[in-house]
Amino acid sequence: MSDHPETPVTPVEAFEPPYYLAVFSTVRTQDQSGYGETNARMEELVKDIPGFLGMDHAQTPGGLGITVGYFRDADALAEWRSHAEHRSAQQRGRADWYERYTLHVAKVERSHGFVRPSG
């Protein structure tokens, strides 16, 4: 979810199914006080969840943010959902940072990727 210009842009790799993903789409409020720090902390915490596979994030010029978290199994996703600091950040998000959001959770049954050969 970080915006680091020096980091090459690359999507999370395709994993062997089945696995789970959580698609979090947001429109944020004008006042984002504390959002960056909390977002960075959530990125640190989720990496410690056994079964966390990775995360993709995109932001449109119009303000739609989409974050996709990938998890090996439903237990890993449930552990993240119930993590105490994550729950607290969710409450703060509803109170301060989001105009609206949607969350979609899905089990991936098919996955593949492509990388253009260099040269």
N, C-alpha and C. Protein backbone atom coordinates (compact mmCIF):
# COMPACT_ATOMS: atom_id res chain seq x y z
N MET A 1 0.80 -1.18 0.00
CA MET A 1 0.00 0.00 0.00
C MET A 1 0.86 1.26 0.00
N SER A 2 2.13 1.13 0.18
CA SER A 2 3.00 2.30 0.21
C SER A 2 3.25 2.81 -1.19
N ASP A 3 3.55 4.10 -1.27
CA ASP A 3 3.87 4.73 -2.54
C ASP A 3 5.35 5.10 -2.51
N HIS A 4 6.21 4.15 -2.91
CA HIS A 4 7.65 4.36 -2.91
C HIS A 4 8.13 4.41 -4.34
N PRO A 5 8.49 5.60 -4.87
CA PRO A 5 8.88 5.73 -6.28
C PRO A 5 10.08 4.88 -6.64
N GLU A 6 10.99 4.61 -5.69
CA GLU A 6 12.18 3.83 -6.01
C GLU A 6 11.89 2.33 -6.11
N THR A 7 10.75 1.89 -5.64
CA THR A 7 10.38 0.49 -5.69
C THR A 7 9.77 0.17 -7.05
N PRO A 8 10.29 -0.85 -7.74
CA PRO A 8 9.69 -1.19 -9.04
C PRO A 8 8.24 -1.61 -8.88
N VAL A 9 7.42 -1.24 -9.84
CA VAL A 9 6.01 -1.61 -9.82
C VAL A 9 5.89 -3.05 -10.30
N THR A 10 5.31 -3.88 -9.47
CA THR A 10 5.12 -5.28 -9.82
C THR A 10 3.93 -5.82 -9.02
N PRO A 11 3.05 -6.56 -9.66
CA PRO A 11 1.92 -7.13 -8.91
C PRO A 11 2.37 -8.33 -8.08
N VAL A 12 1.55 -8.66 -7.09
CA VAL A 12 1.79 -9.88 -6.32
C VAL A 12 1.74 -11.05 -7.29
N GLU A 13 2.63 -12.00 -7.10
CA GLU A 13 2.70 -13.15 -8.01
C GLU A 13 1.43 -14.01 -7.95
N ALA A 14 1.24 -14.82 -8.97
CA ALA A 14 0.13 -15.79 -8.96
C ALA A 14 0.54 -16.96 -8.07
N PHE A 15 -0.34 -17.35 -7.17
CA PHE A 15 -0.07 -18.45 -6.25
C PHE A 15 -0.87 -19.67 -6.68
N GLU A 16 -0.45 -20.81 -6.17
CA GLU A 16 -1.17 -22.05 -6.42
C GLU A 16 -2.49 -22.01 -5.65
N PRO A 17 -3.63 -22.08 -6.35
CA PRO A 17 -4.92 -22.09 -5.66
C PRO A 17 -5.12 -23.40 -4.91
N PRO A 18 -6.04 -23.41 -3.99
CA PRO A 18 -6.89 -22.28 -3.60
C PRO A 18 -6.18 -21.38 -2.59
N TYR A 19 -6.56 -20.13 -2.59
CA TYR A 19 -6.17 -19.16 -1.58
C TYR A 19 -7.27 -18.12 -1.53
N TYR A 20 -7.16 -17.18 -0.63
CA TYR A 20 -8.22 -16.20 -0.42
C TYR A 20 -7.70 -14.79 -0.69
N LEU A 21 -8.62 -13.94 -1.08
CA LEU A 21 -8.26 -12.55 -1.20
C LEU A 21 -9.36 -11.68 -0.62
N ALA A 22 -8.93 -10.53 -0.13
CA ALA A 22 -9.84 -9.51 0.39
C ALA A 22 -9.61 -8.26 -0.44
N VAL A 23 -10.66 -7.79 -1.10
CA VAL A 23 -10.59 -6.59 -1.93
C VAL A 23 -11.27 -5.46 -1.17
N PHE A 24 -10.48 -4.46 -0.82
CA PHE A 24 -10.96 -3.33 -0.03
C PHE A 24 -10.91 -2.09 -0.91
N SER A 25 -12.08 -1.58 -1.29
CA SER A 25 -12.19 -0.40 -2.16
C SER A 25 -12.69 0.77 -1.33
N THR A 26 -12.02 1.92 -1.46
CA THR A 26 -12.33 3.05 -0.59
C THR A 26 -12.40 4.37 -1.34
N VAL A 27 -13.15 5.29 -0.74
CA VAL A 27 -13.09 6.70 -1.09
C VAL A 27 -12.85 7.39 0.25
N ARG A 28 -11.77 8.16 0.33
CA ARG A 28 -11.36 8.76 1.59
C ARG A 28 -11.92 10.17 1.78
N THR A 29 -11.95 10.58 3.04
CA THR A 29 -12.36 11.94 3.42
C THR A 29 -11.21 12.90 3.12
N GLN A 30 -11.49 14.20 3.25
CA GLN A 30 -10.46 15.22 3.06
C GLN A 30 -9.41 15.17 4.18
N ASP A 31 -9.85 14.98 5.40
CA ASP A 31 -8.93 14.98 6.54
C ASP A 31 -8.33 13.59 6.73
N GLN A 32 -7.06 13.46 6.43
CA GLN A 32 -6.37 12.18 6.54
C GLN A 32 -5.34 12.18 7.67
N SER A 33 -5.57 13.01 8.68
CA SER A 33 -4.65 13.10 9.82
C SER A 33 -4.44 11.74 10.46
N GLY A 34 -3.19 11.30 10.50
CA GLY A 34 -2.85 10.02 11.11
C GLY A 34 -2.99 8.82 10.21
N TYR A 35 -3.56 9.00 9.02
CA TYR A 35 -3.80 7.85 8.14
C TYR A 35 -2.49 7.19 7.70
N GLY A 36 -1.53 7.99 7.27
CA GLY A 36 -0.27 7.44 6.76
C GLY A 36 0.44 6.57 7.77
N GLU A 37 0.52 7.04 8.99
CA GLU A 37 1.19 6.28 10.05
C GLU A 37 0.44 4.99 10.34
N THR A 38 -0.88 5.07 10.42
CA THR A 38 -1.67 3.88 10.70
C THR A 38 -1.57 2.88 9.55
N ASN A 39 -1.62 3.38 8.32
CA ASN A 39 -1.50 2.52 7.16
C ASN A 39 -0.16 1.78 7.16
N ALA A 40 0.92 2.50 7.45
CA ALA A 40 2.24 1.88 7.51
C ALA A 40 2.29 0.81 8.61
N ARG A 41 1.68 1.09 9.74
CA ARG A 41 1.64 0.11 10.83
C ARG A 41 0.86 -1.13 10.43
N MET A 42 -0.26 -0.96 9.73
CA MET A 42 -1.05 -2.12 9.28
C MET A 42 -0.24 -2.96 8.30
N GLU A 43 0.52 -2.30 7.42
CA GLU A 43 1.37 -3.04 6.47
C GLU A 43 2.41 -3.87 7.21
N GLU A 44 2.98 -3.34 8.29
CA GLU A 44 3.94 -4.09 9.10
C GLU A 44 3.26 -5.28 9.77
N LEU A 45 2.11 -5.03 10.39
CA LEU A 45 1.42 -6.07 11.16
C LEU A 45 0.95 -7.24 10.30
N VAL A 46 0.37 -6.94 9.15
CA VAL A 46 -0.21 -8.02 8.34
C VAL A 46 0.88 -8.99 7.87
N LYS A 47 2.09 -8.50 7.69
CA LYS A 47 3.19 -9.37 7.25
C LYS A 47 3.51 -10.44 8.28
N ASP A 48 3.14 -10.22 9.54
CA ASP A 48 3.39 -11.20 10.60
C ASP A 48 2.30 -12.25 10.72
N ILE A 49 1.23 -12.12 9.96
CA ILE A 49 0.15 -13.10 10.00
C ILE A 49 0.59 -14.34 9.21
N PRO A 50 0.68 -15.51 9.86
CA PRO A 50 1.03 -16.72 9.12
C PRO A 50 0.00 -16.97 8.02
N GLY A 51 0.47 -17.13 6.80
CA GLY A 51 -0.44 -17.34 5.68
C GLY A 51 -0.70 -16.08 4.87
N PHE A 52 -0.19 -14.93 5.28
CA PHE A 52 -0.29 -13.72 4.47
C PHE A 52 0.66 -13.87 3.29
N LEU A 53 0.13 -13.66 2.08
CA LEU A 53 0.92 -13.87 0.86
C LEU A 53 1.40 -12.58 0.22
N GLY A 54 0.68 -11.49 0.41
CA GLY A 54 1.09 -10.23 -0.20
C GLY A 54 -0.08 -9.29 -0.36
N MET A 55 0.22 -8.12 -0.96
CA MET A 55 -0.80 -7.09 -1.09
C MET A 55 -0.52 -6.25 -2.34
N ASP A 56 -1.57 -5.91 -3.06
CA ASP A 56 -1.52 -4.96 -4.16
C ASP A 56 -2.36 -3.75 -3.78
N HIS A 57 -1.94 -2.57 -4.27
CA HIS A 57 -2.70 -1.35 -4.00
C HIS A 57 -2.66 -0.45 -5.22
N ALA A 58 -3.80 0.17 -5.52
CA ALA A 58 -3.88 1.14 -6.61
C ALA A 58 -4.77 2.29 -6.18
N GLN A 59 -4.48 3.47 -6.72
CA GLN A 59 -5.27 4.67 -6.43
C GLN A 59 -5.56 5.35 -7.76
N THR A 60 -6.83 5.64 -8.03
CA THR A 60 -7.19 6.34 -9.26
C THR A 60 -7.04 7.84 -9.05
N PRO A 61 -6.86 8.61 -10.14
CA PRO A 61 -6.80 10.06 -10.00
C PRO A 61 -8.08 10.63 -9.37
N GLY A 62 -9.20 9.97 -9.54
CA GLY A 62 -10.46 10.44 -8.98
C GLY A 62 -10.65 10.12 -7.51
N GLY A 63 -9.72 9.36 -6.91
CA GLY A 63 -9.78 9.12 -5.48
C GLY A 63 -10.23 7.74 -5.04
N LEU A 64 -10.49 6.83 -5.97
CA LEU A 64 -10.85 5.46 -5.59
C LEU A 64 -9.58 4.69 -5.27
N GLY A 65 -9.50 4.15 -4.06
CA GLY A 65 -8.37 3.32 -3.66
C GLY A 65 -8.80 1.87 -3.62
N ILE A 66 -7.95 0.99 -4.12
CA ILE A 66 -8.24 -0.45 -4.10
C ILE A 66 -7.02 -1.17 -3.54
N THR A 67 -7.26 -1.93 -2.48
CA THR A 67 -6.22 -2.75 -1.88
C THR A 67 -6.69 -4.19 -1.92
N VAL A 68 -5.82 -5.07 -2.40
CA VAL A 68 -6.13 -6.50 -2.44
C VAL A 68 -5.10 -7.21 -1.55
N GLY A 69 -5.60 -7.88 -0.52
CA GLY A 69 -4.74 -8.69 0.34
C GLY A 69 -4.93 -10.16 -0.01
N TYR A 70 -3.83 -10.89 -0.08
CA TYR A 70 -3.84 -12.31 -0.46
C TYR A 70 -3.45 -13.15 0.75
N PHE A 71 -4.23 -14.21 1.01
CA PHE A 71 -4.03 -15.05 2.18
C PHE A 71 -4.12 -16.51 1.77
N ARG A 72 -3.24 -17.34 2.32
CA ARG A 72 -3.17 -18.76 1.97
C ARG A 72 -4.47 -19.49 2.31
N ASP A 73 -5.11 -19.13 3.43
CA ASP A 73 -6.32 -19.85 3.82
C ASP A 73 -7.26 -18.93 4.61
N ALA A 74 -8.44 -19.44 4.86
CA ALA A 74 -9.45 -18.66 5.57
C ALA A 74 -9.02 -18.34 7.00
N ASP A 75 -8.24 -19.23 7.61
CA ASP A 75 -7.78 -18.98 8.98
C ASP A 75 -6.86 -17.76 9.04
N ALA A 76 -5.98 -17.61 8.05
CA ALA A 76 -5.08 -16.45 8.01
C ALA A 76 -5.88 -15.17 7.85
N LEU A 77 -6.87 -15.20 6.98
CA LEU A 77 -7.72 -14.03 6.78
C LEU A 77 -8.51 -13.70 8.04
N ALA A 78 -9.01 -14.71 8.72
CA ALA A 78 -9.76 -14.50 9.96
C ALA A 78 -8.86 -13.93 11.06
N GLU A 79 -7.62 -14.39 11.10
CA GLU A 79 -6.68 -13.87 12.10
C GLU A 79 -6.43 -12.38 11.86
N TRP A 80 -6.27 -11.99 10.59
CA TRP A 80 -6.07 -10.57 10.27
C TRP A 80 -7.32 -9.77 10.61
N ARG A 81 -8.47 -10.28 10.26
CA ARG A 81 -9.73 -9.57 10.52
C ARG A 81 -9.91 -9.30 12.00
N SER A 82 -9.49 -10.22 12.85
CA SER A 82 -9.73 -10.09 14.29
C SER A 82 -8.54 -9.51 15.06
N HIS A 83 -7.46 -9.19 14.39
CA HIS A 83 -6.28 -8.61 15.06
C HIS A 83 -6.68 -7.31 15.78
N ALA A 84 -6.31 -7.17 17.03
CA ALA A 84 -6.76 -6.04 17.86
C ALA A 84 -6.39 -4.68 17.27
N GLU A 85 -5.15 -4.50 16.82
CA GLU A 85 -4.75 -3.20 16.25
C GLU A 85 -5.47 -2.94 14.93
N HIS A 86 -5.69 -4.00 14.16
CA HIS A 86 -6.42 -3.85 12.90
C HIS A 86 -7.86 -3.44 13.17
N ARG A 87 -8.47 -4.04 14.17
CA ARG A 87 -9.85 -3.68 14.55
C ARG A 87 -9.92 -2.20 14.95
N SER A 88 -8.95 -1.75 15.72
CA SER A 88 -8.89 -0.36 16.13
C SER A 88 -8.74 0.57 14.93
N ALA A 89 -7.88 0.19 13.97
CA ALA A 89 -7.71 0.99 12.75
C ALA A 89 -9.00 1.03 11.93
N GLN A 90 -9.73 -0.08 11.90
CA GLN A 90 -11.00 -0.11 11.19
C GLN A 90 -11.97 0.90 11.79
N GLN A 91 -12.04 0.93 13.10
CA GLN A 91 -12.94 1.88 13.78
C GLN A 91 -12.54 3.32 13.47
N ARG A 92 -11.25 3.59 13.49
CA ARG A 92 -10.77 4.95 13.17
C ARG A 92 -11.08 5.29 11.72
N GLY A 93 -10.94 4.32 10.83
CA GLY A 93 -11.25 4.54 9.42
C GLY A 93 -12.70 4.94 9.22
N ARG A 94 -13.61 4.24 9.86
CA ARG A 94 -15.04 4.58 9.74
C ARG A 94 -15.33 5.94 10.36
N ALA A 95 -14.66 6.27 11.45
CA ALA A 95 -14.91 7.55 12.13
C ALA A 95 -14.29 8.73 11.40
N ASP A 96 -13.10 8.54 10.78
CA ASP A 96 -12.35 9.69 10.29
C ASP A 96 -11.94 9.65 8.82
N TRP A 97 -11.50 8.52 8.30
CA TRP A 97 -10.78 8.51 7.03
C TRP A 97 -11.58 8.12 5.79
N TYR A 98 -12.69 7.43 5.94
CA TYR A 98 -13.41 6.92 4.77
C TYR A 98 -14.77 7.58 4.61
N GLU A 99 -15.04 8.03 3.40
CA GLU A 99 -16.39 8.46 3.03
C GLU A 99 -17.25 7.22 2.82
N ARG A 100 -16.62 6.22 2.19
CA ARG A 100 -17.30 4.94 1.94
C ARG A 100 -16.25 3.89 1.62
N TYR A 101 -16.64 2.65 1.81
CA TYR A 101 -15.77 1.54 1.40
C TYR A 101 -16.61 0.30 1.16
N THR A 102 -16.03 -0.62 0.43
CA THR A 102 -16.62 -1.96 0.28
C THR A 102 -15.50 -2.97 0.51
N LEU A 103 -15.89 -4.12 1.01
CA LEU A 103 -14.96 -5.22 1.22
C LEU A 103 -15.56 -6.46 0.56
N HIS A 104 -14.78 -7.09 -0.28
CA HIS A 104 -15.20 -8.34 -0.92
C HIS A 104 -14.16 -9.39 -0.57
N VAL A 105 -14.61 -10.56 -0.13
CA VAL A 105 -13.72 -11.67 0.19
C VAL A 105 -14.06 -12.81 -0.76
N ALA A 106 -13.03 -13.41 -1.34
CA ALA A 106 -13.26 -14.47 -2.32
C ALA A 106 -12.22 -15.57 -2.19
N LYS A 107 -12.62 -16.77 -2.56
CA LYS A 107 -11.71 -17.90 -2.65
C LYS A 107 -11.25 -18.00 -4.10
N VAL A 108 -9.95 -17.98 -4.31
CA VAL A 108 -9.40 -18.04 -5.66
C VAL A 108 -9.30 -19.50 -6.10
N GLU A 109 -9.88 -19.78 -7.24
CA GLU A 109 -9.85 -21.13 -7.79
C GLU A 109 -8.91 -21.27 -8.98
N ARG A 110 -8.57 -20.14 -9.59
CA ARG A 110 -7.67 -20.15 -10.75
C ARG A 110 -6.77 -18.94 -10.66
N SER A 111 -5.49 -19.12 -11.00
CA SER A 111 -4.54 -18.02 -10.90
C SER A 111 -3.39 -18.29 -11.87
N HIS A 112 -3.01 -17.27 -12.61
CA HIS A 112 -1.83 -17.39 -13.46
C HIS A 112 -1.24 -15.99 -13.67
N GLY A 113 -0.03 -15.93 -14.18
CA GLY A 113 0.62 -14.64 -14.38
C GLY A 113 1.41 -14.64 -15.68
N PHE A 114 1.95 -13.49 -16.01
CA PHE A 114 2.76 -13.30 -17.22
C PHE A 114 3.84 -12.28 -16.91
N VAL A 115 5.04 -12.54 -17.39
CA VAL A 115 6.13 -11.59 -17.30
C VAL A 115 6.80 -11.55 -18.67
N ARG A 116 6.87 -10.36 -19.26
CA ARG A 116 7.52 -10.20 -20.57
C ARG A 116 9.01 -10.50 -20.41
N PRO A 117 9.53 -11.37 -21.27
CA PRO A 117 10.97 -11.65 -21.22
C PRO A 117 11.78 -10.37 -21.50
N SER A 118 12.86 -10.18 -20.78
CA SER A 118 13.70 -9.01 -21.03
C SER A 118 14.56 -9.25 -22.26
N GLY A 119 14.87 -8.15 -22.94
CA GLY A 119 15.75 -8.27 -24.09
C GLY A 119 15.14 -8.02 -25.39
